[in-house]
PDB file of N, CA and C in Angstrom:
ATOM      1  N   MET A   1     130.657  53.376 143.193  1.00  0.00           N
ATOM      2  CA  MET A   1     130.785  53.580 144.577  1.00  0.00           C
ATOM      3  C   MET A   1     131.062  52.220 145.309  1.00  0.00           C
ATOM      4  N   THR A   2     131.974  52.227 146.185  1.00  0.00           N
ATOM      5  CA  THR A   2     132.261  50.957 146.936  1.00  0.00           C
ATOM      6  C   THR A   2     131.684  51.054 148.360  1.00  0.00           C
ATOM      7  N   LYS A   3     130.969  50.020 148.761  1.00  0.00           N
ATOM      8  CA  LYS A   3     130.469  50.019 150.058  1.00  0.00           C
ATOM      9  C   LYS A   3     130.992  48.770 150.755  1.00  0.00           C
ATOM     10  N   THR A   4     131.043  48.802 152.108  1.00  0.00           N
ATOM     11  CA  THR A   4     131.647  47.685 152.909  1.00  0.00           C
ATOM     12  C   THR A   4     130.556  47.247 153.809  1.00  0.00           C
ATOM     13  N   ILE A   5     130.402  45.915 153.878  1.00  0.00           N
ATOM     14  CA  ILE A   5     129.344  45.308 154.786  1.00  0.00           C
ATOM     15  C   ILE A   5     129.946  44.038 155.417  1.00  0.00           C
ATOM     16  N   SER A   6     129.362  43.680 156.520  1.00  0.00           N
ATOM     17  CA  SER A   6     129.798  42.434 157.206  1.00  0.00           C
ATOM     18  C   SER A   6     129.230  41.226 156.449  1.00  0.00           C
ATOM     19  N   ALA A   7     129.862  40.045 156.792  1.00  0.00           N
ATOM     20  CA  ALA A   7     129.334  38.814 156.141  1.00  0.00           C
ATOM     21  C   ALA A   7     127.968  38.540 156.575  1.00  0.00           C
ATOM     22  N   TYR A   8     127.626  38.867 157.809  1.00  0.00           N
ATOM     23  CA  TYR A   8     126.241  38.620 158.311  1.00  0.00           C
ATOM     24  C   TYR A   8     125.206  39.448 157.541  1.00  0.00           C
ATOM     25  N   ASP A   9     125.578  40.698 157.326  1.00  0.00           N
ATOM     26  CA  ASP A   9     124.679  41.611 156.469  1.00  0.00           C
ATOM     27  C   ASP A   9     124.586  41.116 155.128  1.00  0.00           C
ATOM     28  N   ALA A  10     125.663  40.643 154.563  1.00  0.00           N
ATOM     29  CA  ALA A  10     125.679  40.135 153.166  1.00  0.00           C
ATOM     30  C   ALA A  10     124.718  38.937 153.080  1.00  0.00           C
ATOM     31  N   ARG A  11     124.757  38.080 154.042  1.00  0.00           N
ATOM     32  CA  ARG A  11     124.001  36.882 154.065  1.00  0.00           C
ATOM     33  C   ARG A  11     122.459  37.231 154.248  1.00  0.00           C
ATOM     34  N   THR A  12     122.169  38.175 155.108  1.00  0.00           N
ATOM     35  CA  THR A  12     120.771  38.454 155.309  1.00  0.00           C
ATOM     36  C   THR A  12     120.174  39.380 154.242  1.00  0.00           C
ATOM     37  N   ASN A  13     120.937  40.090 153.532  1.00  0.00           N
ATOM     38  CA  ASN A  13     120.419  41.026 152.494  1.00  0.00           C
ATOM     39  C   ASN A  13     120.985  40.711 151.090  1.00  0.00           C
ATOM     40  N   PHE A  14     121.262  39.480 150.892  1.00  0.00           N
ATOM     41  CA  PHE A  14     121.994  39.083 149.660  1.00  0.00           C
ATOM     42  C   PHE A  14     121.199  39.619 148.331  1.00  0.00           C
ATOM     43  N   GLY A  15     119.932  39.383 148.268  1.00  0.00           N
ATOM     44  CA  GLY A  15     119.146  39.803 147.100  1.00  0.00           C
ATOM     45  C   GLY A  15     119.292  41.304 146.884  1.00  0.00           C
ATOM     46  N   GLU A  16     119.169  42.099 147.968  1.00  0.00           N
ATOM     47  CA  GLU A  16     119.283  43.581 147.840  1.00  0.00           C
ATOM     48  C   GLU A  16     120.665  43.888 147.350  1.00  0.00           C
ATOM     49  N   ILE A  17     121.706  43.251 147.848  1.00  0.00           N
ATOM     50  CA  ILE A  17     123.072  43.494 147.447  1.00  0.00           C
ATOM     51  C   ILE A  17     123.258  43.181 146.012  1.00  0.00           C
ATOM     52  N   LEU A  18     122.730  42.064 145.497  1.00  0.00           N
ATOM     53  CA  LEU A  18     122.817  41.760 144.074  1.00  0.00           C
ATOM     54  C   LEU A  18     122.222  42.790 143.190  1.00  0.00           C
ATOM     55  N   ASN A  19     121.035  43.306 143.602  1.00  0.00           N
ATOM     56  CA  ASN A  19     120.398  44.382 142.868  1.00  0.00           C
ATOM     57  C   ASN A  19     121.201  45.628 142.801  1.00  0.00           C
ATOM     58  N   GLU A  20     121.774  46.022 143.986  1.00  0.00           N
ATOM     59  CA  GLU A  20     122.653  47.222 143.992  1.00  0.00           C
ATOM     60  C   GLU A  20     123.865  47.097 143.062  1.00  0.00           C
ATOM     61  N   VAL A  21     124.460  45.918 143.134  1.00  0.00           N
ATOM     62  CA  VAL A  21     125.634  45.679 142.267  1.00  0.00           C
ATOM     63  C   VAL A  21     125.224  45.632 140.794  1.00  0.00           C
ATOM     64  N   TYR A  22     124.155  44.959 140.501  1.00  0.00           N
ATOM     65  CA  TYR A  22     123.780  44.839 139.097  1.00  0.00           C
ATOM     66  C   TYR A  22     123.223  46.109 138.472  1.00  0.00           C
ATOM     67  N   TYR A  23     122.216  46.654 139.135  1.00  0.00           N
ATOM     68  CA  TYR A  23     121.495  47.829 138.570  1.00  0.00           C
ATOM     69  C   TYR A  23     122.134  49.151 138.894  1.00  0.00           C
ATOM     70  N   LYS A  24     122.892  49.320 140.024  1.00  0.00           N
ATOM     71  CA  LYS A  24     123.483  50.537 140.233  1.00  0.00           C
ATOM     72  C   LYS A  24     124.964  50.589 140.068  1.00  0.00           C
ATOM     73  N   ASN A  25     125.501  49.366 139.627  1.00  0.00           N
ATOM     74  CA  ASN A  25     126.916  49.200 139.366  1.00  0.00           C
ATOM     75  C   ASN A  25     127.782  49.509 140.580  1.00  0.00           C
ATOM     76  N   GLU A  26     127.252  49.235 141.804  1.00  0.00           N
ATOM     77  CA  GLU A  26     128.061  49.444 142.992  1.00  0.00           C
ATOM     78  C   GLU A  26     128.976  48.283 143.220  1.00  0.00           C
ATOM     79  N   GLU A  27     130.097  48.509 143.921  1.00  0.00           N
ATOM     80  CA  GLU A  27     130.916  47.427 144.311  1.00  0.00           C
ATOM     81  C   GLU A  27     130.728  47.239 145.897  1.00  0.00           C
ATOM     82  N   VAL A  28     130.711  45.950 146.313  1.00  0.00           N
ATOM     83  CA  VAL A  28     130.485  45.657 147.720  1.00  0.00           C
ATOM     84  C   VAL A  28     131.619  44.854 148.252  1.00  0.00           C
ATOM     85  N   ILE A  29     132.275  45.289 149.342  1.00  0.00           N
ATOM     86  CA  ILE A  29     133.301  44.480 149.925  1.00  0.00           C
ATOM     87  C   ILE A  29     132.736  43.888 151.200  1.00  0.00           C
ATOM     88  N   VAL A  30     132.894  42.571 151.262  1.00  0.00           N
ATOM     89  CA  VAL A  30     132.270  41.790 152.375  1.00  0.00           C
ATOM     90  C   VAL A  30     133.432  41.493 153.383  1.00  0.00           C
ATOM     91  N   THR A  31     133.202  41.808 154.639  1.00  0.00           N
ATOM     92  CA  THR A  31     134.236  41.652 155.712  1.00  0.00           C
ATOM     93  C   THR A  31     133.801  40.502 156.652  1.00  0.00           C
ATOM     94  N   LYS A  32     134.772  39.887 157.279  1.00  0.00           N
ATOM     95  CA  LYS A  32     134.553  38.853 158.213  1.00  0.00           C
ATOM     96  C   LYS A  32     135.469  39.209 159.441  1.00  0.00           C
ATOM     97  N   THR A  33     134.899  39.425 160.582  1.00  0.00           N
ATOM     98  CA  THR A  33     135.635  39.879 161.725  1.00  0.00           C
ATOM     99  C   THR A  33     136.565  41.165 161.422  1.00  0.00           C
ATOM    100  N   GLY A  34     135.896  42.031 160.563  1.00  0.00           N
ATOM    101  CA  GLY A  34     136.537  43.267 160.290  1.00  0.00           C
ATOM    102  C   GLY A  34     137.596  43.284 159.134  1.00  0.00           C
ATOM    103  N   LYS A  35     137.911  42.069 158.598  1.00  0.00           N
ATOM    104  CA  LYS A  35     138.869  41.951 157.492  1.00  0.00           C
ATOM    105  C   LYS A  35     138.174  41.728 156.205  1.00  0.00           C
ATOM    106  N   PRO A  36     138.620  42.545 155.182  1.00  0.00           N
ATOM    107  CA  PRO A  36     137.946  42.328 153.866  1.00  0.00           C
ATOM    108  C   PRO A  36     138.188  40.858 153.292  1.00  0.00           C
ATOM    109  N   MET A  37     137.091  40.195 152.913  1.00  0.00           N
ATOM    110  CA  MET A  37     137.230  38.848 152.428  1.00  0.00           C
ATOM    111  C   MET A  37     137.011  38.746 150.910  1.00  0.00           C
ATOM    112  N   VAL A  38     135.861  39.350 150.406  1.00  0.00           N
ATOM    113  CA  VAL A  38     135.529  39.325 149.016  1.00  0.00           C
ATOM    114  C   VAL A  38     135.041  40.645 148.492  1.00  0.00           C
ATOM    115  N   LYS A  39     135.059  40.741 147.236  1.00  0.00           N
ATOM    116  CA  LYS A  39     134.505  42.039 146.579  1.00  0.00           C
ATOM    117  C   LYS A  39     133.523  41.575 145.587  1.00  0.00           C
ATOM    118  N   ILE A  40     132.250  42.050 145.717  1.00  0.00           N
ATOM    119  CA  ILE A  40     131.225  41.658 144.735  1.00  0.00           C
ATOM    120  C   ILE A  40     131.059  42.805 143.746  1.00  0.00           C
ATOM    121  N   VAL A  41     131.232  42.415 142.418  1.00  0.00           N
ATOM    122  CA  VAL A  41     131.098  43.403 141.325  1.00  0.00           C
ATOM    123  C   VAL A  41     130.290  42.808 140.247  1.00  0.00           C
ATOM    124  N   ARG A  42     129.738  43.718 139.382  1.00  0.00           N
ATOM    125  CA  ARG A  42     128.924  43.214 138.283  1.00  0.00           C
ATOM    126  C   ARG A  42     129.805  42.464 137.286  1.00  0.00           C
ATOM    127  N   ALA A  43     129.263  41.412 136.726  1.00  0.00           N
ATOM    128  CA  ALA A  43     130.018  40.623 135.809  1.00  0.00           C
ATOM    129  C   ALA A  43     130.427  41.370 134.534  1.00  0.00           C
ATOM    130  N   PRO A  44     131.683  41.225 134.059  1.00  0.00           N
ATOM    131  CA  PRO A  44     132.081  41.973 132.865  1.00  0.00           C
ATOM    132  C   PRO A  44     131.150  41.823 131.724  1.00  0.00           C
ATOM    133  N   GLY A  45     130.873  42.940 131.013  1.00  0.00           N
ATOM    134  CA  GLY A  45     130.080  42.898 129.895  1.00  0.00           C
ATOM    135  C   GLY A  45     128.500  42.867 130.159  1.00  0.00           C
ATOM    136  N   GLU A  46     128.142  42.746 131.334  1.00  0.00           N
ATOM    137  CA  GLU A  46     126.734  42.761 131.701  1.00  0.00           C
ATOM    138  C   GLU A  46     126.294  44.213 131.974  1.00  0.00           C
ATOM    139  N   THR A  47     125.097  44.452 131.363  1.00  0.00           N
ATOM    140  CA  THR A  47     124.494  45.738 131.582  1.00  0.00           C
ATOM    141  C   THR A  47     123.036  45.505 131.761  1.00  0.00           C
ATOM    142  N   PRO A  48     122.430  46.139 132.786  1.00  0.00           N
ATOM    143  CA  PRO A  48     120.995  45.956 133.092  1.00  0.00           C
ATOM    144  C   PRO A  48     120.158  46.200 131.808  1.00  0.00           C
ATOM    145  N   LYS A  49     119.125  45.464 131.631  1.00  0.00           N
ATOM    146  CA  LYS A  49     118.283  45.576 130.540  1.00  0.00           C
ATOM    147  C   LYS A  49     117.628  47.068 130.491  1.00  0.00           C
ATOM    148  N   GLU A  50     117.448  47.644 131.651  1.00  0.00           N
ATOM    149  CA  GLU A  50     116.847  48.992 131.675  1.00  0.00           C
ATOM    150  C   GLU A  50     117.692  49.957 131.005  1.00  0.00           C
ATOM    151  N   ASP A  51     118.991  49.812 130.943  1.00  0.00           N
ATOM    152  CA  ASP A  51     119.862  50.743 130.251  1.00  0.00           C
ATOM    153  C   ASP A  51     119.565  50.756 128.796  1.00  0.00           C
ATOM    154  N   PHE A  52     119.486  49.559 128.220  1.00  0.00           N
ATOM    155  CA  PHE A  52     119.234  49.410 126.788  1.00  0.00           C
ATOM    156  C   PHE A  52     117.790  49.875 126.432  1.00  0.00           C
ATOM    157  N   GLU A  53     116.813  49.588 127.325  1.00  0.00           N
ATOM    158  CA  GLU A  53     115.456  49.962 127.069  1.00  0.00           C
ATOM    159  C   GLU A  53     115.357  51.417 127.105  1.00  0.00           C
ATOM    160  N   SER A  54     116.092  52.128 127.914  1.00  0.00           N
ATOM    161  CA  SER A  54     116.104  53.596 128.007  1.00  0.00           C
ATOM    162  C   SER A  54     116.616  54.145 126.709  1.00  0.00           C
ATOM    163  N   ILE A  55     117.697  53.594 126.236  1.00  0.00           N
ATOM    164  CA  ILE A  55     118.247  54.031 124.914  1.00  0.00           C
ATOM    165  C   ILE A  55     117.231  53.855 123.818  1.00  0.00           C
ATOM    166  N   TRP A  56     116.601  52.648 123.809  1.00  0.00           N
ATOM    167  CA  TRP A  56     115.600  52.332 122.754  1.00  0.00           C
ATOM    168  C   TRP A  56     114.373  53.243 122.806  1.00  0.00           C
ATOM    169  N   GLN A  57     113.989  53.601 124.008  1.00  0.00           N
ATOM    170  CA  GLN A  57     112.842  54.512 124.150  1.00  0.00           C
ATOM    171  C   GLN A  57     113.206  55.877 123.653  1.00  0.00           C
ATOM    172  N   ASP A  58     114.420  56.312 123.970  1.00  0.00           N
ATOM    173  CA  ASP A  58     114.872  57.576 123.338  1.00  0.00           C
ATOM    174  C   ASP A  58     114.870  57.594 121.858  1.00  0.00           C
ATOM    175  N   PHE A  59     115.315  56.409 121.305  1.00  0.00           N
ATOM    176  CA  PHE A  59     115.320  56.305 119.851  1.00  0.00           C
ATOM    177  C   PHE A  59     113.875  56.387 119.271  1.00  0.00           C
ATOM    178  N   GLN A  60     113.032  55.622 119.888  1.00  0.00           N
ATOM    179  CA  GLN A  60     111.593  55.591 119.394  1.00  0.00           C
ATOM    180  C   GLN A  60     110.954  56.936 119.531  1.00  0.00           C
ATOM    181  N   LYS A  61     111.208  57.686 120.633  1.00  0.00           N
ATOM    182  CA  LYS A  61     110.590  59.035 120.824  1.00  0.00           C
ATOM    183  C   LYS A  61     111.046  59.988 119.744  1.00  0.00           C
ATOM    184  N   LEU A  62     112.335  59.920 119.451  1.00  0.00           N
ATOM    185  CA  LEU A  62     112.869  60.743 118.346  1.00  0.00           C
ATOM    186  C   LEU A  62     112.183  60.460 117.066  1.00  0.00           C
ATOM    187  N   ALA A  63     112.054  59.154 116.736  1.00  0.00           N
ATOM    188  CA  ALA A  63     111.430  58.732 115.509  1.00  0.00           C
ATOM    189  C   ALA A  63     109.935  59.189 115.480  1.00  0.00           C
ATOM    190  N   ARG A  64     109.198  59.069 116.533  1.00  0.00           N
ATOM    191  CA  ARG A  64     107.769  59.492 116.599  1.00  0.00           C
ATOM    192  C   ARG A  64     107.700  60.975 116.365  1.00  0.00           C
ATOM    193  N   GLU A  65     108.664  61.753 116.857  1.00  0.00           N
ATOM    194  CA  GLU A  65     108.578  63.202 116.707  1.00  0.00           C
ATOM    195  C   GLU A  65     109.053  63.645 115.347  1.00  0.00           C
ATOM    196  N   GLY A  66     109.513  62.695 114.535  1.00  0.00           N
ATOM    197  CA  GLY A  66     109.894  62.997 113.188  1.00  0.00           C
ATOM    198  C   GLY A  66     111.268  63.586 113.124  1.00  0.00           C
ATOM    199  N   LYS A  67     112.122  63.520 114.140  1.00  0.00           N
ATOM    200  CA  LYS A  67     113.377  64.023 114.186  1.00  0.00           C
ATOM    201  C   LYS A  67     114.338  63.146 113.488  1.00  0.00           C
ATOM    202  N   GLN A  68     115.383  63.683 112.927  1.00  0.00           N
ATOM    203  CA  GLN A  68     116.397  62.853 112.304  1.00  0.00           C
ATOM    204  C   GLN A  68     117.153  62.109 113.398  1.00  0.00           C
ATOM    205  N   ILE A  69     117.413  60.725 113.052  1.00  0.00           N
ATOM    206  CA  ILE A  69     118.113  59.918 114.034  1.00  0.00           C
ATOM    207  C   ILE A  69     119.456  59.548 113.424  1.00  0.00           C
ATOM    208  N   ASP A  70     120.465  59.803 114.178  1.00  0.00           N
ATOM    209  CA  ASP A  70     121.890  59.384 113.736  1.00  0.00           C
ATOM    210  C   ASP A  70     122.028  57.937 114.229  1.00  0.00           C
ATOM    211  N   LEU A  71     121.875  57.032 113.263  1.00  0.00           N
ATOM    212  CA  LEU A  71     121.925  55.604 113.635  1.00  0.00           C
ATOM    213  C   LEU A  71     123.321  55.207 114.174  1.00  0.00           C
ATOM    214  N   VAL A  72     124.344  55.867 113.628  1.00  0.00           N
ATOM    215  CA  VAL A  72     125.693  55.544 114.030  1.00  0.00           C
ATOM    216  C   VAL A  72     125.879  55.943 115.521  1.00  0.00           C
ATOM    217  N   GLU A  73     125.272  57.118 115.900  1.00  0.00           N
ATOM    218  CA  GLU A  73     125.338  57.629 117.296  1.00  0.00           C
ATOM    219  C   GLU A  73     124.476  56.646 118.169  1.00  0.00           C
ATOM    220  N   PHE A  74     123.337  56.171 117.744  1.00  0.00           N
ATOM    221  CA  PHE A  74     122.497  55.338 118.503  1.00  0.00           C
ATOM    222  C   PHE A  74     123.262  54.039 118.721  1.00  0.00           C
ATOM    223  N   VAL A  75     123.952  53.409 117.765  1.00  0.00           N
ATOM    224  CA  VAL A  75     124.648  52.183 117.922  1.00  0.00           C
ATOM    225  C   VAL A  75     125.860  52.459 118.864  1.00  0.00           C
ATOM    226  N   ARG A  76     126.520  53.516 118.744  1.00  0.00           N
ATOM    227  CA  ARG A  76     127.680  53.871 119.608  1.00  0.00           C
ATOM    228  C   ARG A  76     127.253  54.010 121.004  1.00  0.00           C
ATOM    229  N   LYS A  77     126.056  54.680 121.218  1.00  0.00           N
ATOM    230  CA  LYS A  77     125.585  54.820 122.641  1.00  0.00           C
ATOM    231  C   LYS A  77     125.209  53.418 123.214  1.00  0.00           C
ATOM    232  N   ASP A  78     124.644  52.585 122.364  1.00  0.00           N
ATOM    233  CA  ASP A  78     124.347  51.231 122.797  1.00  0.00           C
ATOM    234  C   ASP A  78     125.628  50.430 123.154  1.00  0.00           C
ATOM    235  N   ARG A  79     126.627  50.544 122.277  1.00  0.00           N
ATOM    236  CA  ARG A  79     127.861  49.866 122.546  1.00  0.00           C
ATOM    237  C   ARG A  79     128.563  50.308 123.787  1.00  0.00           C
ATOM    238  N   ASP A  80     128.548  51.655 123.976  1.00  0.00           N
ATOM    239  CA  ASP A  80     129.201  52.160 125.137  1.00  0.00           C
ATOM    240  C   ASP A  80     128.476  51.803 126.415  1.00  0.00           C
ATOM    241  N   SER A  81     127.195  51.460 126.361  1.00  0.00           N
ATOM    242  CA  SER A  81     126.431  51.115 127.557  1.00  0.00           C
ATOM    243  C   SER A  81     126.747  49.660 127.897  1.00  0.00           C
ATOM    244  N   GLY A  82     127.489  48.906 127.045  1.00  0.00           N
ATOM    245  CA  GLY A  82     127.908  47.564 127.338  1.00  0.00           C
ATOM    246  C   GLY A  82     126.944  46.559 126.775  1.00  0.00           C
ATOM    247  N   HIS A  83     125.799  46.993 126.229  1.00  0.00           N
ATOM    248  CA  HIS A  83     124.830  46.060 125.640  1.00  0.00           C
ATOM    249  C   HIS A  83     125.238  45.834 124.239  1.00  0.00           C
ATOM    250  N   LYS A  84     124.937  44.696 123.738  1.00  0.00           N
ATOM    251  CA  LYS A  84     125.244  44.401 122.281  1.00  0.00           C
ATOM    252  C   LYS A  84     123.946  44.098 121.555  1.00  0.00           C
ATOM    253  N   LEU A  85     123.696  44.938 120.523  1.00  0.00           N
ATOM    254  CA  LEU A  85     122.507  44.738 119.758  1.00  0.00           C
ATOM    255  C   LEU A  85     122.606  43.390 118.961  1.00  0.00           C
ATOM    256  N   ASN A  86     121.533  42.777 118.729  1.00  0.00           N
ATOM    257  CA  ASN A  86     121.484  41.516 117.897  1.00  0.00           C
ATOM    258  C   ASN A  86     121.039  41.979 116.528  1.00  0.00           C
ATOM    259  N   TYR A  87     122.007  41.972 115.558  1.00  0.00           N
ATOM    260  CA  TYR A  87     121.676  42.477 114.226  1.00  0.00           C
ATOM    261  C   TYR A  87     121.231  41.286 113.390  1.00  0.00           C
TER     262      TYR A  87
END
């Protein structure tokens, strides 16, 4: 989702904007006197740690329940989330 804010709002709420961009994968267009000046987006290849932790928790839950785990599917899900496992 793309949202548009003024330069003043960007300056006063910068930390909040960074969190929205990084954790919610939102795009923010910053305007000055009504004209679009810049677009803030998450850096390529960056995925919030919470995404991977969620996948890992799912993996551990399945293992605790004694269910079969498709490791290929787990790695594929991790890859598609943008996170890279350290093997």
